[in-house]
N, C-alpha and C. Protein backbone atom coordinates (compact mmCIF):
# COMPACT_ATOMS: atom_id res chain seq x y z
N MET A 1 0.88 -1.20 0.06
CA MET A 1 0.05 0.02 0.01
C MET A 1 0.92 1.22 0.01
N GLY A 2 0.38 2.20 -0.72
CA GLY A 2 1.33 3.47 -0.90
C GLY A 2 1.09 4.36 0.30
N THR A 3 1.77 5.58 0.16
CA THR A 3 1.68 6.65 1.15
C THR A 3 0.28 7.20 0.99
N ASN A 4 -0.15 8.01 2.00
CA ASN A 4 -1.44 8.63 2.10
C ASN A 4 -1.68 9.55 0.82
N ALA A 5 -0.55 10.25 0.38
CA ALA A 5 -0.61 11.19 -0.68
C ALA A 5 -0.77 10.37 -2.04
N GLU A 6 -0.12 9.23 -2.17
CA GLU A 6 -0.36 8.36 -3.37
C GLU A 6 -1.75 7.87 -3.45
N VAL A 7 -2.31 7.43 -2.37
CA VAL A 7 -3.71 6.88 -2.31
C VAL A 7 -4.67 7.98 -2.71
N THR A 8 -4.36 9.21 -2.16
CA THR A 8 -5.27 10.31 -2.56
C THR A 8 -5.14 10.69 -3.90
N ASP A 9 -3.99 10.72 -4.57
CA ASP A 9 -3.84 11.06 -5.92
C ASP A 9 -4.62 10.03 -6.82
N HIS A 10 -4.52 8.64 -6.49
CA HIS A 10 -5.28 7.74 -7.26
C HIS A 10 -6.69 7.85 -7.10
N ILE A 11 -7.25 8.21 -5.96
CA ILE A 11 -8.74 8.45 -5.88
C ILE A 11 -9.13 9.63 -6.66
N LEU A 12 -8.32 10.70 -6.56
CA LEU A 12 -8.72 11.87 -7.40
C LEU A 12 -8.72 11.56 -8.89
N LEU A 13 -7.80 10.80 -9.36
CA LEU A 13 -7.77 10.47 -10.79
C LEU A 13 -8.89 9.61 -11.14
N ALA A 14 -9.24 8.60 -10.19
CA ALA A 14 -10.30 7.68 -10.55
C ALA A 14 -11.68 8.36 -10.65
N TYR A 15 -11.93 9.42 -9.78
CA TYR A 15 -13.22 10.10 -9.61
C TYR A 15 -13.18 11.48 -10.13
N ARG A 16 -12.36 11.90 -11.00
CA ARG A 16 -12.29 13.28 -11.41
C ARG A 16 -13.56 13.62 -12.25
N VAL A 17 -14.17 14.72 -11.92
CA VAL A 17 -15.43 15.15 -12.53
C VAL A 17 -15.03 16.47 -13.16
N THR A 18 -15.34 16.71 -14.41
CA THR A 18 -15.21 17.94 -15.07
C THR A 18 -16.57 18.67 -15.29
N LEU A 19 -16.76 19.77 -14.67
CA LEU A 19 -18.04 20.45 -14.75
C LEU A 19 -17.95 21.41 -16.04
N PRO A 20 -19.11 21.56 -16.69
CA PRO A 20 -19.07 22.53 -17.78
C PRO A 20 -18.90 23.94 -17.23
N THR A 21 -18.12 24.70 -18.05
CA THR A 21 -18.03 26.13 -17.64
C THR A 21 -19.10 26.90 -18.23
N LEU A 22 -19.60 27.86 -17.41
CA LEU A 22 -20.65 28.57 -17.79
C LEU A 22 -20.11 29.98 -18.29
N GLY A 23 -20.59 30.44 -19.50
CA GLY A 23 -20.30 31.64 -20.04
C GLY A 23 -21.09 32.74 -19.42
N LEU A 24 -21.10 33.91 -20.03
CA LEU A 24 -21.95 35.05 -19.62
C LEU A 24 -23.43 34.65 -19.96
N GLU A 25 -24.25 35.18 -19.17
CA GLU A 25 -25.65 34.99 -19.47
C GLU A 25 -26.05 35.77 -20.72
N PRO A 26 -26.83 35.27 -21.45
CA PRO A 26 -27.34 35.99 -22.76
C PRO A 26 -28.15 37.33 -22.24
N VAL A 27 -28.00 38.33 -23.01
CA VAL A 27 -28.65 39.56 -22.83
C VAL A 27 -29.74 39.84 -23.85
N LEU A 28 -30.89 40.18 -23.38
CA LEU A 28 -31.99 40.50 -24.40
C LEU A 28 -31.93 42.00 -24.74
N SER A 29 -32.14 42.22 -26.00
CA SER A 29 -32.24 43.57 -26.39
C SER A 29 -33.67 43.87 -26.97
N ILE A 30 -34.21 44.96 -26.64
CA ILE A 30 -35.55 45.26 -26.97
C ILE A 30 -35.64 46.56 -27.58
N GLU A 31 -36.10 46.64 -28.86
CA GLU A 31 -36.24 47.86 -29.67
C GLU A 31 -37.76 48.00 -30.09
N ARG A 32 -38.11 49.28 -30.02
CA ARG A 32 -39.50 49.56 -30.48
C ARG A 32 -39.40 50.43 -31.81
N SER A 33 -40.28 50.04 -32.68
CA SER A 33 -40.39 50.61 -33.93
C SER A 33 -41.86 50.91 -34.33
N ASN A 34 -42.35 52.00 -34.21
CA ASN A 34 -43.81 52.39 -34.40
C ASN A 34 -44.65 51.51 -33.47
N THR A 35 -45.44 50.55 -34.12
CA THR A 35 -46.30 49.69 -33.27
C THR A 35 -45.71 48.40 -33.00
N MET A 36 -44.41 48.11 -33.28
CA MET A 36 -43.87 46.80 -33.17
C MET A 36 -42.71 46.92 -32.24
N VAL A 37 -42.55 45.78 -31.40
CA VAL A 37 -41.41 45.54 -30.45
C VAL A 37 -40.61 44.30 -30.95
N ARG A 38 -39.26 44.50 -31.06
CA ARG A 38 -38.43 43.53 -31.58
C ARG A 38 -37.40 43.12 -30.33
N ILE A 39 -37.52 41.83 -30.02
CA ILE A 39 -36.68 41.33 -28.94
C ILE A 39 -35.62 40.39 -29.63
N SER A 40 -34.38 40.62 -29.28
CA SER A 40 -33.30 39.81 -29.93
C SER A 40 -32.33 39.38 -28.85
N TRP A 41 -31.51 38.36 -29.21
CA TRP A 41 -30.39 37.85 -28.22
C TRP A 41 -29.38 37.25 -29.07
N PRO A 42 -28.23 37.02 -28.50
CA PRO A 42 -27.13 36.53 -29.32
C PRO A 42 -27.50 35.11 -29.96
N SER A 43 -27.07 34.96 -31.28
CA SER A 43 -27.45 33.77 -32.02
C SER A 43 -26.85 32.45 -31.29
N ALA A 44 -25.69 32.65 -30.46
CA ALA A 44 -25.19 31.40 -29.83
C ALA A 44 -26.19 30.83 -28.81
N TYR A 45 -27.25 31.61 -28.54
CA TYR A 45 -28.25 31.08 -27.57
C TYR A 45 -29.67 30.89 -28.33
N SER A 46 -29.55 30.55 -29.62
CA SER A 46 -30.80 30.35 -30.38
C SER A 46 -31.55 29.14 -29.94
N ASN A 47 -30.89 28.31 -29.26
CA ASN A 47 -31.63 27.07 -28.79
C ASN A 47 -32.37 27.34 -27.47
N PHE A 48 -32.32 28.52 -26.90
CA PHE A 48 -32.93 28.94 -25.67
C PHE A 48 -34.44 29.25 -26.05
N LEU A 49 -35.25 29.19 -25.05
CA LEU A 49 -36.74 29.56 -25.24
C LEU A 49 -36.94 31.00 -24.69
N LEU A 50 -37.60 31.79 -25.68
CA LEU A 50 -38.07 33.07 -25.26
C LEU A 50 -39.40 32.89 -24.57
N GLN A 51 -39.53 33.41 -23.31
CA GLN A 51 -40.85 33.24 -22.54
C GLN A 51 -41.24 34.61 -22.11
N SER A 52 -42.52 34.62 -21.86
CA SER A 52 -43.22 35.87 -21.46
C SER A 52 -44.23 35.62 -20.48
N THR A 53 -44.51 36.59 -19.51
CA THR A 53 -45.55 36.51 -18.52
C THR A 53 -46.09 37.91 -18.22
N ALA A 54 -47.35 38.11 -17.95
CA ALA A 54 -47.97 39.37 -17.68
C ALA A 54 -47.70 39.80 -16.17
N THR A 55 -47.37 38.85 -15.31
CA THR A 55 -47.17 39.12 -13.90
C THR A 55 -46.03 38.33 -13.37
N LEU A 56 -45.35 38.83 -12.29
CA LEU A 56 -44.40 38.02 -11.67
C LEU A 56 -44.89 37.44 -10.32
N THR A 57 -46.14 37.63 -9.94
CA THR A 57 -46.71 37.23 -8.65
C THR A 57 -47.98 36.45 -8.90
N PRO A 58 -48.06 35.24 -9.08
CA PRO A 58 -46.92 34.35 -9.51
C PRO A 58 -46.85 34.34 -11.08
N PRO A 59 -45.62 34.08 -11.54
CA PRO A 59 -45.44 34.07 -12.89
C PRO A 59 -45.99 32.85 -13.66
N ALA A 60 -46.63 33.12 -14.84
CA ALA A 60 -47.07 32.02 -15.66
C ALA A 60 -46.44 32.08 -17.04
N TRP A 61 -45.21 31.60 -17.12
CA TRP A 61 -44.41 31.81 -18.25
C TRP A 61 -44.95 30.87 -19.51
N THR A 62 -45.02 31.63 -20.62
CA THR A 62 -45.50 31.12 -21.92
C THR A 62 -44.38 31.17 -22.90
N VAL A 63 -44.12 30.19 -23.69
CA VAL A 63 -43.09 30.07 -24.67
C VAL A 63 -43.58 30.90 -25.92
N LEU A 64 -42.73 31.88 -26.31
CA LEU A 64 -43.04 32.71 -27.48
C LEU A 64 -42.24 32.22 -28.63
N ALA A 65 -40.98 31.78 -28.49
CA ALA A 65 -40.14 31.45 -29.60
C ALA A 65 -39.16 30.47 -29.11
N SER A 66 -38.80 29.63 -30.09
CA SER A 66 -37.71 28.64 -29.79
C SER A 66 -36.93 28.47 -31.15
N ASN A 67 -35.63 28.17 -31.01
CA ASN A 67 -34.73 27.97 -32.09
C ASN A 67 -34.61 29.22 -33.03
N LEU A 68 -34.69 30.34 -32.41
CA LEU A 68 -34.56 31.69 -33.05
C LEU A 68 -33.64 32.50 -32.20
N SER A 69 -33.38 33.72 -32.77
CA SER A 69 -32.61 34.71 -31.94
C SER A 69 -33.27 36.13 -31.99
N THR A 70 -34.40 36.10 -32.59
CA THR A 70 -35.28 37.38 -32.65
C THR A 70 -36.74 37.01 -32.56
N PHE A 71 -37.50 37.97 -32.06
CA PHE A 71 -39.03 37.76 -31.90
C PHE A 71 -39.52 39.16 -31.96
N SER A 72 -40.60 39.33 -32.77
CA SER A 72 -41.34 40.53 -33.02
C SER A 72 -42.81 40.42 -32.47
N THR A 73 -43.26 41.44 -31.86
CA THR A 73 -44.73 41.43 -31.43
C THR A 73 -45.25 42.86 -31.44
N VAL A 74 -46.54 42.98 -31.43
CA VAL A 74 -47.23 44.24 -31.46
C VAL A 74 -47.08 44.92 -30.10
N ALA A 75 -46.63 46.17 -30.05
CA ALA A 75 -46.53 46.97 -28.80
C ALA A 75 -47.85 47.14 -28.16
N THR A 76 -48.01 47.02 -26.84
CA THR A 76 -49.25 47.32 -26.11
C THR A 76 -48.88 48.15 -24.92
N ASN A 77 -50.08 48.57 -24.24
CA ASN A 77 -49.87 49.40 -23.03
C ASN A 77 -49.77 48.41 -21.75
N SER A 78 -49.92 47.11 -22.08
CA SER A 78 -49.90 46.21 -20.83
C SER A 78 -48.41 45.81 -20.57
N ALA A 79 -48.18 45.56 -19.25
CA ALA A 79 -46.88 45.13 -18.78
C ALA A 79 -46.59 43.70 -19.28
N ARG A 80 -45.43 43.42 -19.74
CA ARG A 80 -45.01 42.07 -20.02
C ARG A 80 -43.60 41.94 -19.69
N PHE A 81 -43.24 40.78 -19.14
CA PHE A 81 -41.91 40.43 -18.72
C PHE A 81 -41.39 39.29 -19.58
N PHE A 82 -40.14 39.31 -19.91
CA PHE A 82 -39.55 38.38 -20.84
C PHE A 82 -38.29 37.80 -20.13
N ARG A 83 -38.04 36.49 -20.53
CA ARG A 83 -36.81 35.77 -20.12
C ARG A 83 -36.40 34.77 -21.18
N LEU A 84 -35.18 34.48 -21.20
CA LEU A 84 -34.69 33.29 -22.08
C LEU A 84 -34.40 32.13 -21.03
N ALA A 85 -34.99 31.01 -21.35
CA ALA A 85 -34.90 29.79 -20.61
C ALA A 85 -34.10 28.71 -21.29
N SER A 86 -33.21 28.13 -20.53
CA SER A 86 -32.36 27.02 -21.10
C SER A 86 -33.26 25.87 -21.52
N PRO A 87 -33.06 25.28 -22.59
CA PRO A 87 -33.92 24.11 -22.94
C PRO A 87 -33.68 22.81 -22.02
């Protein structure tokens, strides 16, 4: 049997886990043009789901777009909250 340090090294090598590195969170850009609102995000996150809810207490998220990086909708006077969700 080896020394304590050698045993520890073997255990670490046998059970090494590599966690994925997380990059920066995607940022939503929102632009208004006349009666339309355009929401966009980086194309690297096009597999994320754009979701919307009218209230945050409690939120009822609805998927608006998937496999895209832009979404357009008619501007209204009602409050709406948006987020990108990981698939």
